[in-house]
């Protein structure tokens, strides 16, 4: 039996190119995982990933920065959300800092754009443009939630306390009966650090941020050179022993 029983990967900058496309090598690697009986999951900030999961043969998606776990069929396995009142409060705080903020709110059904209070719905997360990271930190502290800054952008994602990629990976692994010690995770950005550290093998792509590489157990090739696909084929599918902790 292979050491790895679950593969979880970020999408943008990890297996997806800047234009959102993926290579044939990547598609083959994930189809080979499925044929070998090793489930795969995408852990991403994105909301719409069902079609991509079907194209690549992934059975599970962890969406909206880790607040929504779904089967490829669309069935929700678990979710974390702000209450409607908390959602409106955070939106009000964002607009107080930046009255022209572009605020987006994913709910379990869809993504709402240019949101303003009263919104009146539960939010899986709240994404908004802010001028300074100190503003995001202040809002997160005031509402007892978390925030993530997206790589190279002035957009911030506010998440319910106790939610995130690592928490979702832990939840999914438990549902599948796979220990985290037998889970391999791949990533490139700050939001991936937690799951790289928590899983038995954390792999950073070659063009990941330095902080991500420092948190990973190993590095593979860069995204543009199909680093994840090659690592899966050479390390997980080849039967090569992998040290897991």
Protein backbone atom coordinates (compact mmCIF):
# COMPACT_ATOMS: atom_id res chain seq x y z
CA UNK A 1 0.00 0.00 0.00
CA UNK A 2 1.32 3.44 -0.90
CA UNK A 3 2.20 5.82 1.90
CA UNK A 4 0.13 8.70 0.51
CA UNK A 5 -3.64 8.29 0.79
CA UNK A 6 -4.82 11.81 -0.12
CA UNK A 7 -3.43 14.59 -2.33
CA UNK A 8 -4.47 18.20 -1.76
CA UNK A 9 -3.27 21.05 -3.95
CA UNK A 10 -3.73 24.76 -4.38
CA UNK A 11 -4.66 25.83 -7.91
CA UNK A 12 -3.45 29.26 -9.07
CA UNK A 13 0.32 29.40 -9.26
CA UNK A 14 0.60 25.77 -8.20
CA UNK A 15 -0.99 23.66 -10.97
CA UNK A 16 -2.71 26.40 -13.00
CA UNK A 17 -0.83 28.77 -15.29
CA UNK A 18 -1.38 32.56 -15.13
CA UNK A 19 -4.11 32.27 -17.77
CA UNK A 20 -5.94 29.64 -15.69
CA UNK A 21 -5.05 26.73 -17.97
CA UNK A 22 -3.40 23.43 -17.03
CA UNK A 23 -1.05 21.17 -18.96
CA UNK A 24 -1.70 17.71 -20.30
CA UNK A 25 0.97 16.42 -17.92
CA UNK A 26 -1.06 17.80 -15.01
CA UNK A 27 -4.26 16.22 -16.29
CA UNK A 28 -2.56 12.86 -16.69
CA UNK A 29 -1.04 12.97 -13.20
CA UNK A 30 -4.44 13.50 -11.57
CA UNK A 31 -6.13 10.89 -13.73
CA UNK A 32 -3.38 8.47 -12.71
CA UNK A 33 -4.04 9.28 -9.04
CA UNK A 34 -7.69 8.46 -9.51
CA UNK A 35 -6.88 5.21 -11.30
CA UNK A 36 -4.61 4.29 -8.39
CA UNK A 37 -7.43 4.89 -5.91
CA UNK A 38 -5.80 7.97 -4.33
CA UNK A 39 -8.38 10.77 -3.90
CA UNK A 40 -7.39 14.32 -4.82
CA UNK A 41 -8.79 17.64 -3.64
CA UNK A 42 -8.31 21.23 -4.77
CA UNK A 43 -7.86 23.79 -1.98
CA UNK A 44 -8.37 27.24 -3.43
CA UNK A 45 -9.71 30.76 -2.97
CA UNK A 46 -11.96 30.16 -5.95
CA UNK A 47 -15.68 29.38 -5.73
CA UNK A 48 -16.31 27.78 -9.14
CA UNK A 49 -14.08 24.72 -9.51
CA UNK A 50 -16.51 21.89 -10.28
CA UNK A 51 -15.79 21.79 -14.01
CA UNK A 52 -12.04 21.89 -13.40
CA UNK A 53 -12.31 19.05 -10.87
CA UNK A 54 -14.23 16.95 -13.38
CA UNK A 55 -11.69 17.67 -16.13
CA UNK A 56 -8.79 16.61 -13.92
CA UNK A 57 -10.51 13.75 -12.13
CA UNK A 58 -10.38 15.31 -8.65
CA UNK A 59 -13.15 14.05 -6.35
CA UNK A 60 -13.24 16.93 -3.86
CA UNK A 61 -12.94 20.71 -3.78
CA UNK A 62 -12.08 22.97 -0.85
CA UNK A 63 -13.31 26.37 -1.94
CA UNK A 64 -13.39 30.00 -0.81
CA UNK A 65 -10.08 29.79 1.10
CA UNK A 66 -11.19 26.72 3.02
CA UNK A 67 -14.72 27.59 4.14
CA UNK A 68 -16.58 25.17 1.82
CA UNK A 69 -15.90 21.47 1.19
CA UNK A 70 -17.74 19.86 -1.71
CA UNK A 71 -17.81 16.58 -3.58
CA UNK A 72 -17.27 16.94 -7.32
CA UNK A 73 -21.01 16.26 -7.72
CA UNK A 74 -21.64 19.59 -5.97
CA UNK A 75 -22.81 18.06 -2.69
CA UNK A 76 -21.67 20.14 0.28
CA UNK A 77 -19.77 18.10 2.87
CA UNK A 78 -19.06 20.92 5.33
CA UNK A 79 -19.06 24.71 5.48
CA UNK A 80 -18.08 27.58 7.77
CA UNK A 81 -19.92 30.90 7.48
CA UNK A 82 -20.44 34.32 9.05
CA UNK A 83 -23.95 34.99 10.30
CA UNK A 84 -25.98 37.51 8.29
CA UNK A 85 -25.53 40.09 11.08
CA UNK A 86 -21.77 39.53 11.26
CA UNK A 87 -21.53 39.77 7.47
CA UNK A 88 -23.23 43.17 7.49
CA UNK A 89 -21.00 44.36 10.32
CA UNK A 90 -17.82 43.44 8.47
CA UNK A 91 -19.08 45.06 5.25
CA UNK A 92 -19.81 48.25 7.19
CA UNK A 93 -16.31 48.22 8.68
CA UNK A 94 -14.74 47.68 5.26
CA UNK A 95 -16.66 50.60 3.77
CA UNK A 96 -15.70 52.81 6.70
CA UNK A 97 -12.05 52.21 5.77
CA UNK A 98 -12.60 52.38 2.01
CA UNK A 99 -15.99 53.75 0.86
CA UNK A 100 -15.24 52.63 -2.71
CA UNK A 101 -14.17 49.12 -1.75
CA UNK A 102 -14.96 46.39 -4.25
CA UNK A 103 -16.54 43.83 -1.90
CA UNK A 104 -17.49 40.31 -3.01
CA UNK A 105 -19.36 37.76 -0.89
CA UNK A 106 -19.59 34.06 -1.73
CA UNK A 107 -22.58 32.23 -0.25
CA UNK A 108 -23.13 28.48 -0.68
CA UNK A 109 -25.23 29.21 -3.78
CA UNK A 110 -23.29 31.89 -5.65
CA UNK A 111 -20.84 34.82 -5.51
CA UNK A 112 -22.29 38.30 -5.02
CA UNK A 113 -20.38 41.32 -6.35
CA UNK A 114 -20.19 44.96 -5.24
CA UNK A 115 -21.91 44.11 -1.97
CA UNK A 116 -23.20 46.76 0.40
CA UNK A 117 -24.99 46.42 3.73
CA UNK A 118 -27.62 45.41 4.50
CA UNK A 119 -26.66 42.24 2.63
CA UNK A 120 -28.77 39.98 4.81
CA UNK A 121 -27.17 36.63 3.98
CA UNK A 122 -24.60 34.31 5.54
CA UNK A 123 -21.16 34.68 3.96
CA UNK A 124 -18.59 31.95 3.42
CA UNK A 125 -16.02 34.75 3.31
CA UNK A 126 -15.83 38.45 2.44
CA UNK A 127 -13.28 39.71 -0.08
CA UNK A 128 -12.54 43.41 -0.42
CA UNK A 129 -9.95 45.92 -1.60
CA UNK A 130 -8.29 47.89 1.20
CA UNK A 131 -5.46 50.35 1.13
CA UNK A 132 -3.41 49.07 4.07
CA UNK A 133 -2.89 45.73 5.75
CA UNK A 134 -3.30 47.48 9.10
CA UNK A 135 -6.91 48.20 8.12
CA UNK A 136 -7.58 44.52 7.45
CA UNK A 137 -5.94 43.50 10.71
CA UNK A 138 -8.04 46.01 12.64
CA UNK A 139 -11.27 44.71 11.11
CA UNK A 140 -10.31 41.09 11.79
CA UNK A 141 -9.52 41.87 15.42
CA UNK A 142 -12.78 43.77 15.90
CA UNK A 143 -14.88 40.88 14.60
CA UNK A 144 -12.81 37.97 15.92
CA UNK A 145 -12.15 36.58 12.46
CA UNK A 146 -9.17 35.85 10.23
CA UNK A 147 -7.86 37.64 7.17
CA UNK A 148 -5.63 36.68 4.25
CA UNK A 149 -3.89 39.02 1.82
CA UNK A 150 -3.68 37.70 -1.72
CA UNK A 151 -0.27 37.54 -3.30
CA UNK A 152 0.69 40.75 -5.10
CA UNK A 153 -2.73 42.36 -4.57
CA UNK A 154 -4.52 44.81 -2.28
CA UNK A 155 -7.42 42.38 -1.83
CA UNK A 156 -8.09 40.79 1.53
CA UNK A 157 -10.23 37.80 2.41
CA UNK A 158 -12.00 37.73 5.79
CA UNK A 159 -12.78 34.22 7.05
CA UNK A 160 -14.80 32.93 10.00
CA UNK A 161 -12.69 32.05 13.04
CA UNK A 162 -11.65 28.41 12.93
CA UNK A 163 -11.90 28.21 9.14
CA UNK A 164 -9.15 27.98 6.54
CA UNK A 165 -7.41 25.58 4.23
CA UNK A 166 -5.69 23.59 6.95
CA UNK A 167 -8.93 23.18 8.92
CA UNK A 168 -10.75 22.07 5.77
CA UNK A 169 -7.99 19.61 4.85
CA UNK A 170 -8.14 18.17 8.36
CA UNK A 171 -11.93 17.86 8.10
CA UNK A 172 -11.81 16.19 4.66
CA UNK A 173 -9.07 13.78 5.70
CA UNK A 174 -11.17 12.78 8.70
CA UNK A 175 -14.25 12.23 6.55
CA UNK A 176 -12.20 10.00 4.23
CA UNK A 177 -10.49 8.15 7.08
CA UNK A 178 -7.02 9.21 5.88
CA UNK A 179 -4.56 10.41 8.54
CA UNK A 180 -2.97 13.79 7.89
CA UNK A 181 0.36 11.96 8.12
CA UNK A 182 -0.58 10.20 4.86
CA UNK A 183 -1.69 13.37 3.10
CA UNK A 184 0.47 15.29 0.60
CA UNK A 185 -0.20 19.01 0.11
CA UNK A 186 1.09 21.36 -2.60
CA UNK A 187 1.10 25.17 -2.62
CA UNK A 188 2.78 28.45 -3.48
CA UNK A 189 1.26 31.27 -1.39
CA UNK A 190 0.91 32.42 2.22
CA UNK A 191 -2.54 30.87 2.52
CA UNK A 192 -1.04 27.44 1.80
CA UNK A 193 1.50 27.45 4.64
CA UNK A 194 -0.84 25.96 7.23
CA UNK A 195 -1.75 22.91 5.18
CA UNK A 196 1.86 22.35 4.07
CA UNK A 197 2.91 22.25 7.72
CA UNK A 198 -0.03 20.15 8.90
CA UNK A 199 0.17 17.39 6.28
CA UNK A 200 2.62 14.52 6.30
CA UNK A 201 4.34 15.91 3.22
CA UNK A 202 4.17 19.60 2.34
CA UNK A 203 5.51 20.44 -1.11
CA UNK A 204 6.17 23.99 -2.34
CA UNK A 205 6.45 24.68 -6.05
CA UNK A 206 9.75 26.10 -7.24
CA UNK A 207 8.34 29.60 -7.80
CA UNK A 208 6.54 29.78 -4.43
CA UNK A 209 7.14 32.60 -1.99
CA UNK A 210 10.24 32.15 0.14
CA UNK A 211 8.07 31.88 3.29
CA UNK A 212 6.16 29.00 1.70
CA UNK A 213 9.34 27.18 0.72
CA UNK A 214 10.64 27.57 4.27
CA UNK A 215 7.43 25.99 5.64
CA UNK A 216 7.47 23.05 3.22
CA UNK A 217 9.18 19.70 3.70
CA UNK A 218 10.40 19.66 0.09
CA UNK A 219 10.21 21.69 -3.10
CA UNK A 220 9.24 20.49 -6.55
CA UNK A 221 9.70 22.21 -9.91
CA UNK A 222 7.93 25.48 -10.70
CA UNK A 223 4.33 25.64 -11.86
CA UNK A 224 5.31 26.56 -15.43
CA UNK A 225 7.38 23.35 -15.64
CA UNK A 226 4.65 21.04 -14.28
CA UNK A 227 6.45 20.62 -10.98
CA UNK A 228 3.46 19.18 -9.12
CA UNK A 229 2.58 16.71 -11.88
CA UNK A 230 6.16 15.45 -12.11
CA UNK A 231 6.44 15.07 -8.31
CA UNK A 232 3.19 13.10 -8.18
CA UNK A 233 4.33 10.77 -10.95
CA UNK A 234 7.86 10.27 -9.58
CA UNK A 235 7.17 10.13 -5.86
CA UNK A 236 3.56 9.09 -5.23
CA UNK A 237 2.67 6.95 -8.23
CA UNK A 238 6.04 5.29 -8.73
CA UNK A 239 5.87 3.50 -5.38
CA UNK A 240 9.03 5.27 -4.18
CA UNK A 241 9.02 5.24 -0.36
CA UNK A 242 8.12 8.65 1.05
CA UNK A 243 9.03 9.59 4.60
CA UNK A 244 5.97 10.93 6.41
CA UNK A 245 5.93 12.25 9.97
